[in-house]
Every structure is written in structure tokens, then in C-alpha cells.
Amino acid sequence: MTYTLRFIPGIERDVINGYVWYESKSVGLGEDFLRVFYASASEIQRNPLLYPTVYNKFRRRLIRRFPYAVYFTIEADQVIVLGLFHCVRDPQAINAELENREK
């Protein structure tokens, strides 16, 4: 099955925050963060059922090299990316934020 990848508007803030933080640590590291994030999103699109459900309908894919996870849902033929969160965050806080994000 072919899935369409869709990002909710709020995901942009998550990605930019990670980019800015890493770029402030080392020039070019923010660009690496973006590449890894988008490569991970592409992998999710190809096979979203590969990644585990971690809370209700939300699935999680850990990204390489950086301590972040992409959270998404699958609805019909769409993969909807709802969040990019640092793995050190409280899982209950992540769950609450995911529930409140608009699709």
C-alpha cells in the first residue's frame, strides 16, 4: 500500500527548534538534523506499520544520531506526522501534547 505523508502545521515549530539548537552548537549540525528528520519521515511513509504503537493510536520512530522521536498516526492511506520530541521529555507530557495537536 502507498501512503501519503502529511505534516500538521505545528510540526514546523518542533523541527525549527531542534535545528536552531543544534546549529547553535556547531555550524552545519542543524542541517544534519534536518536531513535525518526528513529521511526518517520518508522511511515512515514507505512502511509505517514497522514502527510500534506507543500510546493509543500514536506510533513512534526514533531518529538516527539525534535523541529525538517522530510521532505519527495512520489514517486510511495517510501517515500524519504530529510531533518531533526530544527523548528526554516526560512520556506523559508528550502524550498529552499529542492528544491536543490539531490534525
PDB file of N, CA and C in Angstrom:
ATOM      1  N   MET A   1       0.838  -1.188   0.000  1.00  0.00           N
ATOM      2  CA  MET A   1       0.000   0.000   0.000  1.00  0.00           C
ATOM      3  C   MET A   1       0.876   1.242   0.000  1.00  0.00           C
ATOM      4  N   THR A   2       0.472   2.232  -0.753  1.00  0.00           N
ATOM      5  CA  THR A   2       1.184   3.505  -0.793  1.00  0.00           C
ATOM      6  C   THR A   2       0.506   4.489   0.143  1.00  0.00           C
ATOM      7  N   TYR A   3       1.294   5.122   0.988  1.00  0.00           N
ATOM      8  CA  TYR A   3       0.781   6.097   1.952  1.00  0.00           C
ATOM      9  C   TYR A   3       1.191   7.508   1.544  1.00  0.00           C
ATOM     10  N   THR A   4       0.313   8.443   1.830  1.00  0.00           N
ATOM     11  CA  THR A   4       0.607   9.858   1.642  1.00  0.00           C
ATOM     12  C   THR A   4       1.133  10.393   2.967  1.00  0.00           C
ATOM     13  N   LEU A   5       2.194  11.161   2.917  1.00  0.00           N
ATOM     14  CA  LEU A   5       2.789  11.734   4.127  1.00  0.00           C
ATOM     15  C   LEU A   5       2.270  13.149   4.307  1.00  0.00           C
ATOM     16  N   ARG A   6       1.764  13.428   5.512  1.00  0.00           N
ATOM     17  CA  ARG A   6       1.252  14.762   5.799  1.00  0.00           C
ATOM     18  C   ARG A   6       1.805  15.224   7.149  1.00  0.00           C
ATOM     19  N   PHE A   7       2.257  16.466   7.191  1.00  0.00           N
ATOM     20  CA  PHE A   7       2.751  17.074   8.425  1.00  0.00           C
ATOM     21  C   PHE A   7       1.707  18.066   8.912  1.00  0.00           C
ATOM     22  N   ILE A   8       1.373  18.010  10.210  1.00  0.00           N
ATOM     23  CA  ILE A   8       0.474  19.026  10.744  1.00  0.00           C
ATOM     24  C   ILE A   8       1.251  20.333  10.839  1.00  0.00           C
ATOM     25  N   PRO A   9       0.555  21.481  10.854  1.00  0.00           N
ATOM     26  CA  PRO A   9       1.263  22.772  10.908  1.00  0.00           C
ATOM     27  C   PRO A   9       2.194  22.925  12.114  1.00  0.00           C
ATOM     28  N   GLY A  10       1.857  22.361  13.267  1.00  0.00           N
ATOM     29  CA  GLY A  10       2.668  22.515  14.473  1.00  0.00           C
ATOM     30  C   GLY A  10       4.016  21.819  14.424  1.00  0.00           C
ATOM     31  N   ILE A  11       4.183  20.881  13.527  1.00  0.00           N
ATOM     32  CA  ILE A  11       5.446  20.133  13.446  1.00  0.00           C
ATOM     33  C   ILE A  11       6.599  21.047  13.047  1.00  0.00           C
ATOM     34  N   GLU A  12       6.285  22.076  12.293  1.00  0.00           N
ATOM     35  CA  GLU A  12       7.315  23.021  11.841  1.00  0.00           C
ATOM     36  C   GLU A  12       8.062  23.629  13.029  1.00  0.00           C
ATOM     37  N   ARG A  13       7.334  23.968  14.064  1.00  0.00           N
ATOM     38  CA  ARG A  13       7.948  24.559  15.269  1.00  0.00           C
ATOM     39  C   ARG A  13       8.910  23.568  15.925  1.00  0.00           C
ATOM     40  N   ASP A  14       8.498  22.296  16.018  1.00  0.00           N
ATOM     41  CA  ASP A  14       9.354  21.264  16.616  1.00  0.00           C
ATOM     42  C   ASP A  14      10.661  21.123  15.839  1.00  0.00           C
ATOM     43  N   VAL A  15      10.542  21.075  14.517  1.00  0.00           N
ATOM     44  CA  VAL A  15      11.715  20.892  13.657  1.00  0.00           C
ATOM     45  C   VAL A  15      12.636  22.108  13.730  1.00  0.00           C
ATOM     46  N   ILE A  16      12.077  23.300  13.676  1.00  0.00           N
ATOM     47  CA  ILE A  16      12.884  24.524  13.739  1.00  0.00           C
ATOM     48  C   ILE A  16      13.608  24.636  15.074  1.00  0.00           C
ATOM     49  N   ASN A  17      12.934  24.294  16.166  1.00  0.00           N
ATOM     50  CA  ASN A  17      13.578  24.351  17.489  1.00  0.00           C
ATOM     51  C   ASN A  17      14.788  23.423  17.547  1.00  0.00           C
ATOM     52  N   GLY A  18      14.640  22.205  17.034  1.00  0.00           N
ATOM     53  CA  GLY A  18      15.770  21.278  17.007  1.00  0.00           C
ATOM     54  C   GLY A  18      16.894  21.793  16.122  1.00  0.00           C
ATOM     55  N   TYR A  19      16.530  22.316  14.964  1.00  0.00           N
ATOM     56  CA  TYR A  19      17.519  22.856  14.027  1.00  0.00           C
ATOM     57  C   TYR A  19      18.324  23.990  14.670  1.00  0.00           C
ATOM     58  N   VAL A  20      17.622  24.936  15.268  1.00  0.00           N
ATOM     59  CA  VAL A  20      18.280  26.103  15.874  1.00  0.00           C
ATOM     60  C   VAL A  20      19.215  25.664  17.003  1.00  0.00           C
ATOM     61  N   TRP A  21      18.767  24.740  17.833  1.00  0.00           N
ATOM     62  CA  TRP A  21      19.594  24.297  18.950  1.00  0.00           C
ATOM     63  C   TRP A  21      20.869  23.642  18.447  1.00  0.00           C
ATOM     64  N   TYR A  22      20.749  22.713  17.506  1.00  0.00           N
ATOM     65  CA  TYR A  22      21.938  22.018  17.000  1.00  0.00           C
ATOM     66  C   TYR A  22      22.843  22.947  16.195  1.00  0.00           C
ATOM     67  N   GLU A  23      22.269  23.844  15.449  1.00  0.00           N
ATOM     68  CA  GLU A  23      23.082  24.785  14.658  1.00  0.00           C
ATOM     69  C   GLU A  23      23.862  25.719  15.579  1.00  0.00           C
ATOM     70  N   SER A  24      23.277  26.037  16.755  1.00  0.00           N
ATOM     71  CA  SER A  24      23.986  26.905  17.708  1.00  0.00           C
ATOM     72  C   SER A  24      25.163  26.166  18.356  1.00  0.00           C
ATOM     73  N   LYS A  25      25.108  24.854  18.383  1.00  0.00           N
ATOM     74  CA  LYS A  25      26.198  24.060  18.968  1.00  0.00           C
ATOM     75  C   LYS A  25      27.353  23.884  17.993  1.00  0.00           C
ATOM     76  N   SER A  26      27.034  23.737  16.703  1.00  0.00           N
ATOM     77  CA  SER A  26      28.067  23.546  15.693  1.00  0.00           C
ATOM     78  C   SER A  26      27.459  23.854  14.318  1.00  0.00           C
ATOM     79  N   VAL A  27      28.093  24.742  13.591  1.00  0.00           N
ATOM     80  CA  VAL A  27      27.591  25.119  12.273  1.00  0.00           C
ATOM     81  C   VAL A  27      27.528  23.872  11.394  1.00  0.00           C
ATOM     82  N   GLY A  28      26.366  23.661  10.794  1.00  0.00           N
ATOM     83  CA  GLY A  28      26.156  22.501   9.930  1.00  0.00           C
ATOM     84  C   GLY A  28      25.454  21.349  10.628  1.00  0.00           C
ATOM     85  N   LEU A  29      25.509  21.318  11.960  1.00  0.00           N
ATOM     86  CA  LEU A  29      24.856  20.235  12.698  1.00  0.00           C
ATOM     87  C   LEU A  29      23.334  20.339  12.590  1.00  0.00           C
ATOM     88  N   GLY A  30      22.824  21.562  12.548  1.00  0.00           N
ATOM     89  CA  GLY A  30      21.386  21.767  12.355  1.00  0.00           C
ATOM     90  C   GLY A  30      20.931  21.223  11.006  1.00  0.00           C
ATOM     91  N   GLU A  31      21.755  21.420   9.971  1.00  0.00           N
ATOM     92  CA  GLU A  31      21.442  20.873   8.638  1.00  0.00           C
ATOM     93  C   GLU A  31      21.417  19.347   8.675  1.00  0.00           C
ATOM     94  N   ASP A  32      22.357  18.754   9.407  1.00  0.00           N
ATOM     95  CA  ASP A  32      22.365  17.298   9.564  1.00  0.00           C
ATOM     96  C   ASP A  32      21.091  16.822  10.259  1.00  0.00           C
ATOM     97  N   PHE A  33      20.669  17.557  11.272  1.00  0.00           N
ATOM     98  CA  PHE A  33      19.437  17.231  11.991  1.00  0.00           C
ATOM     99  C   PHE A  33      18.243  17.229  11.031  1.00  0.00           C
ATOM    100  N   LEU A  34      18.153  18.251  10.187  1.00  0.00           N
ATOM    101  CA  LEU A  34      17.053  18.318   9.212  1.00  0.00           C
ATOM    102  C   LEU A  34      17.092  17.135   8.247  1.00  0.00           C
ATOM    103  N   ARG A  35      18.269  16.817   7.743  1.00  0.00           N
ATOM    104  CA  ARG A  35      18.391  15.690   6.810  1.00  0.00           C
ATOM    105  C   ARG A  35      17.938  14.381   7.450  1.00  0.00           C
ATOM    106  N   VAL A  36      18.358  14.157   8.681  1.00  0.00           N
ATOM    107  CA  VAL A  36      17.990  12.924   9.376  1.00  0.00           C
ATOM    108  C   VAL A  36      16.485  12.888   9.644  1.00  0.00           C
ATOM    109  N   PHE A  37      15.915  14.018  10.026  1.00  0.00           N
ATOM    110  CA  PHE A  37      14.469  14.075  10.268  1.00  0.00           C
ATOM    111  C   PHE A  37      13.696  13.738   8.995  1.00  0.00           C
ATOM    112  N   TYR A  38      14.021  14.385   7.887  1.00  0.00           N
ATOM    113  CA  TYR A  38      13.282  14.147   6.647  1.00  0.00           C
ATOM    114  C   TYR A  38      13.527  12.747   6.097  1.00  0.00           C
ATOM    115  N   ALA A  39      14.706  12.198   6.293  1.00  0.00           N
ATOM    116  CA  ALA A  39      14.965  10.809   5.884  1.00  0.00           C
ATOM    117  C   ALA A  39      14.107   9.854   6.722  1.00  0.00           C
ATOM    118  N   SER A  40      13.977  10.142   8.003  1.00  0.00           N
ATOM    119  CA  SER A  40      13.141   9.319   8.881  1.00  0.00           C
ATOM    120  C   SER A  40      11.677   9.392   8.468  1.00  0.00           C
ATOM    121  N   ALA A  41      11.219  10.586   8.140  1.00  0.00           N
ATOM    122  CA  ALA A  41       9.831  10.750   7.697  1.00  0.00           C
ATOM    123  C   ALA A  41       9.577   9.963   6.412  1.00  0.00           C
ATOM    124  N   SER A  42      10.545   9.971   5.525  1.00  0.00           N
ATOM    125  CA  SER A  42      10.422   9.223   4.275  1.00  0.00           C
ATOM    126  C   SER A  42      10.347   7.716   4.544  1.00  0.00           C
ATOM    127  N   GLU A  43      11.139   7.236   5.485  1.00  0.00           N
ATOM    128  CA  GLU A  43      11.102   5.821   5.847  1.00  0.00           C
ATOM    129  C   GLU A  43       9.758   5.448   6.468  1.00  0.00           C
ATOM    130  N   ILE A  44       9.213   6.347   7.276  1.00  0.00           N
ATOM    131  CA  ILE A  44       7.891   6.117   7.867  1.00  0.00           C
ATOM    132  C   ILE A  44       6.851   5.988   6.765  1.00  0.00           C
ATOM    133  N   GLN A  45       6.924   6.853   5.778  1.00  0.00           N
ATOM    134  CA  GLN A  45       5.954   6.840   4.675  1.00  0.00           C
ATOM    135  C   GLN A  45       5.990   5.496   3.939  1.00  0.00           C
ATOM    136  N   ARG A  46       7.174   4.957   3.738  1.00  0.00           N
ATOM    137  CA  ARG A  46       7.306   3.700   2.999  1.00  0.00           C
ATOM    138  C   ARG A  46       6.738   2.505   3.757  1.00  0.00           C
ATOM    139  N   ASN A  47       6.922   2.479   5.080  1.00  0.00           N
ATOM    140  CA  ASN A  47       6.459   1.334   5.857  1.00  0.00           C
ATOM    141  C   ASN A  47       6.078   1.750   7.281  1.00  0.00           C
ATOM    142  N   PRO A  48       4.964   2.438   7.458  1.00  0.00           N
ATOM    143  CA  PRO A  48       4.600   2.956   8.780  1.00  0.00           C
ATOM    144  C   PRO A  48       4.251   1.870   9.802  1.00  0.00           C
ATOM    145  N   LEU A  49       3.831   0.707   9.344  1.00  0.00           N
ATOM    146  CA  LEU A  49       3.458  -0.356  10.275  1.00  0.00           C
ATOM    147  C   LEU A  49       4.672  -1.012  10.935  1.00  0.00           C
ATOM    148  N   LEU A  50       5.844  -0.671  10.469  1.00  0.00           N
ATOM    149  CA  LEU A  50       7.082  -1.195  11.038  1.00  0.00           C
ATOM    150  C   LEU A  50       7.339  -0.635  12.443  1.00  0.00           C
ATOM    151  N   TYR A  51       6.796   0.520  12.736  1.00  0.00           N
ATOM    152  CA  TYR A  51       7.089   1.223  13.985  1.00  0.00           C
ATOM    153  C   TYR A  51       5.991   0.976  15.016  1.00  0.00           C
ATOM    154  N   PRO A  52       6.384   0.837  16.287  1.00  0.00           N
ATOM    155  CA  PRO A  52       5.418   0.432  17.318  1.00  0.00           C
ATOM    156  C   PRO A  52       4.444   1.532  17.724  1.00  0.00           C
ATOM    157  N   THR A  53       3.278   1.086  18.139  1.00  0.00           N
ATOM    158  CA  THR A  53       2.306   1.978  18.757  1.00  0.00           C
ATOM    159  C   THR A  53       2.753   2.157  20.202  1.00  0.00           C
ATOM    160  N   VAL A  54       2.901   3.407  20.620  1.00  0.00           N
ATOM    161  CA  VAL A  54       3.407   3.665  21.973  1.00  0.00           C
ATOM    162  C   VAL A  54       2.348   4.259  22.896  1.00  0.00           C
ATOM    163  N   TYR A  55       1.303   4.812  22.320  1.00  0.00           N
ATOM    164  CA  TYR A  55       0.256   5.418  23.130  1.00  0.00           C
ATOM    165  C   TYR A  55      -0.985   5.574  22.264  1.00  0.00           C
ATOM    166  N   ASN A  56      -2.072   4.981  22.685  1.00  0.00           N
ATOM    167  CA  ASN A  56      -3.314   4.989  21.907  1.00  0.00           C
ATOM    168  C   ASN A  56      -3.023   4.667  20.454  1.00  0.00           C
ATOM    169  N   LYS A  57      -3.284   5.610  19.581  1.00  0.00           N
ATOM    170  CA  LYS A  57      -3.089   5.391  18.142  1.00  0.00           C
ATOM    171  C   LYS A  57      -1.756   5.946  17.639  1.00  0.00           C
ATOM    172  N   PHE A  58      -0.948   6.484  18.525  1.00  0.00           N
ATOM    173  CA  PHE A  58       0.300   7.136  18.134  1.00  0.00           C
ATOM    174  C   PHE A  58       1.442   6.130  18.025  1.00  0.00           C
ATOM    175  N   ARG A  59       2.154   6.229  16.933  1.00  0.00           N
ATOM    176  CA  ARG A  59       3.329   5.401  16.696  1.00  0.00           C
ATOM    177  C   ARG A  59       4.568   6.274  16.809  1.00  0.00           C
ATOM    178  N   ARG A  60       5.708   5.627  17.033  1.00  0.00           N
ATOM    179  CA  ARG A  60       6.940   6.391  17.236  1.00  0.00           C
ATOM    180  C   ARG A  60       8.077   5.770  16.434  1.00  0.00           C
ATOM    181  N   ARG A  61       8.850   6.656  15.835  1.00  0.00           N
ATOM    182  CA  ARG A  61      10.072   6.231  15.151  1.00  0.00           C
ATOM    183  C   ARG A  61      11.215   7.047  15.721  1.00  0.00           C
ATOM    184  N   LEU A  62      12.196   6.368  16.313  1.00  0.00           N
ATOM    185  CA  LEU A  62      13.383   7.055  16.811  1.00  0.00           C
ATOM    186  C   LEU A  62      14.252   7.417  15.616  1.00  0.00           C
ATOM    187  N   ILE A  63      14.838   8.613  15.663  1.00  0.00           N
ATOM    188  CA  ILE A  63      15.680   9.008  14.535  1.00  0.00           C
ATOM    189  C   ILE A  63      17.137   8.717  14.856  1.00  0.00           C
ATOM    190  N   ARG A  64      17.903   8.470  13.812  1.00  0.00           N
ATOM    191  CA  ARG A  64      19.323   8.163  13.966  1.00  0.00           C
ATOM    192  C   ARG A  64      20.102   9.393  14.428  1.00  0.00           C
ATOM    193  N   ARG A  65      21.123   9.130  15.196  1.00  0.00           N
ATOM    194  CA  ARG A  65      22.144  10.116  15.543  1.00  0.00           C
ATOM    195  C   ARG A  65      21.705  11.190  16.533  1.00  0.00           C
ATOM    196  N   PHE A  66      20.434  11.483  16.608  1.00  0.00           N
ATOM    197  CA  PHE A  66      19.939  12.531  17.498  1.00  0.00           C
ATOM    198  C   PHE A  66      18.905  11.911  18.444  1.00  0.00           C
ATOM    199  N   PRO A  67      18.842  12.392  19.693  1.00  0.00           N
ATOM    200  CA  PRO A  67      17.910  11.794  20.657  1.00  0.00           C
ATOM    201  C   PRO A  67      16.480  12.341  20.505  1.00  0.00           C
ATOM    202  N   TYR A  68      15.919  12.154  19.337  1.00  0.00           N
ATOM    203  CA  TYR A  68      14.569  12.624  19.027  1.00  0.00           C
ATOM    204  C   TYR A  68      13.734  11.480  18.491  1.00  0.00           C
ATOM    205  N   ALA A  69      12.421  11.628  18.615  1.00  0.00           N
ATOM    206  CA  ALA A  69      11.487  10.649  18.073  1.00  0.00           C
ATOM    207  C   ALA A  69      10.397  11.379  17.293  1.00  0.00           C
ATOM    208  N   VAL A  70       9.995  10.763  16.188  1.00  0.00           N
ATOM    209  CA  VAL A  70       8.901  11.265  15.363  1.00  0.00           C
ATOM    210  C   VAL A  70       7.650  10.492  15.775  1.00  0.00           C
ATOM    211  N   TYR A  71       6.583  11.223  16.060  1.00  0.00           N
ATOM    212  CA  TYR A  71       5.310  10.612  16.435  1.00  0.00           C
ATOM    213  C   TYR A  71       4.317  10.824  15.306  1.00  0.00           C
ATOM    214  N   PHE A  72       3.578   9.762  14.992  1.00  0.00           N
ATOM    215  CA  PHE A  72       2.657   9.832  13.866  1.00  0.00           C
ATOM    216  C   PHE A  72       1.488   8.883  14.068  1.00  0.00           C
ATOM    217  N   THR A  73       0.456   9.083  13.252  1.00  0.00           N
ATOM    218  CA  THR A  73      -0.686   8.173  13.204  1.00  0.00           C
ATOM    219  C   THR A  73      -0.883   7.740  11.760  1.00  0.00           C
ATOM    220  N   ILE A  74      -1.644   6.681  11.609  1.00  0.00           N
ATOM    221  CA  ILE A  74      -2.013   6.200  10.277  1.00  0.00           C
ATOM    222  C   ILE A  74      -3.525   6.279  10.180  1.00  0.00           C
ATOM    223  N   GLU A  75      -4.012   6.990   9.181  1.00  0.00           N
ATOM    224  CA  GLU A  75      -5.447   7.108   8.948  1.00  0.00           C
ATOM    225  C   GLU A  75      -5.715   6.825   7.482  1.00  0.00           C
ATOM    226  N   ALA A  76      -6.372   5.695   7.223  1.00  0.00           N
ATOM    227  CA  ALA A  76      -6.660   5.225   5.862  1.00  0.00           C
ATOM    228  C   ALA A  76      -5.338   5.105   5.108  1.00  0.00           C
ATOM    229  N   ASP A  77      -5.137   5.947   4.092  1.00  0.00           N
ATOM    230  CA  ASP A  77      -3.903   5.872   3.300  1.00  0.00           C
ATOM    231  C   ASP A  77      -2.960   7.029   3.596  1.00  0.00           C
ATOM    232  N   GLN A  78      -3.144   7.669   4.769  1.00  0.00           N
ATOM    233  CA  GLN A  78      -2.289   8.800   5.147  1.00  0.00           C
ATOM    234  C   GLN A  78      -1.483   8.492   6.400  1.00  0.00           C
ATOM    235  N   VAL A  79      -0.233   8.925   6.372  1.00  0.00           N
ATOM    236  CA  VAL A  79       0.612   8.946   7.564  1.00  0.00           C
ATOM    237  C   VAL A  79       0.662  10.404   7.987  1.00  0.00           C
ATOM    238  N   ILE A  80       0.191  10.687   9.188  1.00  0.00           N
ATOM    239  CA  ILE A  80       0.131  12.064   9.680  1.00  0.00           C
ATOM    240  C   ILE A  80       1.178  12.235  10.779  1.00  0.00           C
ATOM    241  N   VAL A  81       2.180  13.071  10.506  1.00  0.00           N
ATOM    242  CA  VAL A  81       3.244  13.339  11.475  1.00  0.00           C
ATOM    243  C   VAL A  81       2.764  14.444  12.410  1.00  0.00           C
ATOM    244  N   LEU A  82       2.710  14.119  13.698  1.00  0.00           N
ATOM    245  CA  LEU A  82       2.141  15.027  14.692  1.00  0.00           C
ATOM    246  C   LEU A  82       3.162  15.679  15.605  1.00  0.00           C
ATOM    247  N   GLY A  83       4.350  15.111  15.690  1.00  0.00           N
ATOM    248  CA  GLY A  83       5.310  15.703  16.607  1.00  0.00           C
ATOM    249  C   GLY A  83       6.710  15.160  16.437  1.00  0.00           C
ATOM    250  N   LEU A  84       7.650  15.981  16.827  1.00  0.00           N
ATOM    251  CA  LEU A  84       9.060  15.626  16.900  1.00  0.00           C
ATOM    252  C   LEU A  84       9.511  16.069  18.289  1.00  0.00           C
ATOM    253  N   PHE A  85       9.792  15.104  19.157  1.00  0.00           N
ATOM    254  CA  PHE A  85      10.097  15.415  20.541  1.00  0.00           C
ATOM    255  C   PHE A  85      11.436  14.826  20.963  1.00  0.00           C
ATOM    256  N   HIS A  86      12.124  15.554  21.824  1.00  0.00           N
ATOM    257  CA  HIS A  86      13.369  15.067  22.418  1.00  0.00           C
ATOM    258  C   HIS A  86      13.018  13.896  23.331  1.00  0.00           C
ATOM    259  N   CYS A  87      13.809  12.866  23.296  1.00  0.00           N
ATOM    260  CA  CYS A  87      13.508  11.640  24.038  1.00  0.00           C
ATOM    261  C   CYS A  87      13.635  11.775  25.553  1.00  0.00           C
ATOM    262  N   VAL A  88      14.225  12.848  26.027  1.00  0.00           N
ATOM    263  CA  VAL A  88      14.358  13.033  27.464  1.00  0.00           C
ATOM    264  C   VAL A  88      13.058  13.573  28.092  1.00  0.00           C
ATOM    265  N   ARG A  89      12.139  14.032  27.267  1.00  0.00           N
ATOM    266  CA  ARG A  89      10.883  14.577  27.784  1.00  0.00           C
ATOM    267  C   ARG A  89      10.041  13.504  28.459  1.00  0.00           C
ATOM    268  N   ASP A  90       9.235  13.930  29.399  1.00  0.00           N
ATOM    269  CA  ASP A  90       8.331  13.042  30.120  1.00  0.00           C
ATOM    270  C   ASP A  90       7.317  12.446  29.139  1.00  0.00           C
ATOM    271  N   PRO A  91       7.230  11.117  29.061  1.00  0.00           N
ATOM    272  CA  PRO A  91       6.294  10.498  28.119  1.00  0.00           C
ATOM    273  C   PRO A  91       4.843  10.928  28.317  1.00  0.00           C
ATOM    274  N   GLN A  92       4.434  11.161  29.553  1.00  0.00           N
ATOM    275  CA  GLN A  92       3.053  11.608  29.786  1.00  0.00           C
ATOM    276  C   GLN A  92       2.828  13.014  29.244  1.00  0.00           C
ATOM    277  N   ALA A  93       3.831  13.872  29.321  1.00  0.00           N
ATOM    278  CA  ALA A  93       3.719  15.213  28.755  1.00  0.00           C
ATOM    279  C   ALA A  93       3.637  15.132  27.229  1.00  0.00           C
ATOM    280  N   ILE A  94       4.412  14.237  26.628  1.00  0.00           N
ATOM    281  CA  ILE A  94       4.352  14.044  25.174  1.00  0.00           C
ATOM    282  C   ILE A  94       2.969  13.542  24.785  1.00  0.00           C
ATOM    283  N   ASN A  95       2.450  12.555  25.505  1.00  0.00           N
ATOM    284  CA  ASN A  95       1.123  12.007  25.204  1.00  0.00           C
ATOM    285  C   ASN A  95       0.056  13.088  25.272  1.00  0.00           C
ATOM    286  N   ALA A  96       0.116  13.925  26.304  1.00  0.00           N
ATOM    287  CA  ALA A  96      -0.869  14.994  26.448  1.00  0.00           C
ATOM    288  C   ALA A  96      -0.764  15.989  25.294  1.00  0.00           C
ATOM    289  N   GLU A  97       0.444  16.336  24.914  1.00  0.00           N
ATOM    290  CA  GLU A  97       0.621  17.283  23.814  1.00  0.00           C
ATOM    291  C   GLU A  97       0.139  16.691  22.492  1.00  0.00           C
ATOM    292  N   LEU A  98       0.407  15.408  22.257  1.00  0.00           N
ATOM    293  CA  LEU A  98      -0.064  14.754  21.040  1.00  0.00           C
ATOM    294  C   LEU A  98      -1.588  14.756  20.962  1.00  0.00           C
ATOM    295  N   GLU A  99      -2.231  14.490  22.065  1.00  0.00           N
ATOM    296  CA  GLU A  99      -3.693  14.478  22.084  1.00  0.00           C
ATOM    297  C   GLU A  99      -4.290  15.835  21.747  1.00  0.00           C
ATOM    298  N   ASN A 100      -3.567  16.916  22.095  1.00  0.00           N
ATOM    299  CA  ASN A 100      -4.080  18.268  21.885  1.00  0.00           C
ATOM    300  C   ASN A 100      -3.707  18.874  20.548  1.00  0.00           C
ATOM    301  N   ARG A 101      -2.871  18.215  19.774  1.00  0.00           N
ATOM    302  CA  ARG A 101      -2.464  18.772  18.481  1.00  0.00           C
ATOM    303  C   ARG A 101      -3.572  18.565  17.461  1.00  0.00           C
ATOM    304  N   GLU A 102      -3.752  19.588  16.641  1.00  0.00           N
ATOM    305  CA  GLU A 102      -4.777  19.544  15.590  1.00  0.00           C
ATOM    306  C   GLU A 102      -4.252  18.835  14.369  1.00  0.00           C
ATOM    307  N   LYS A 103      -5.074  18.018  13.777  1.00  0.00           N
ATOM    308  CA  LYS A 103      -4.709  17.343  12.535  1.00  0.00           C
ATOM    309  C   LYS A 103      -5.162  18.193  11.404  1.00  0.00           C
TER     310      LYS A 103
END
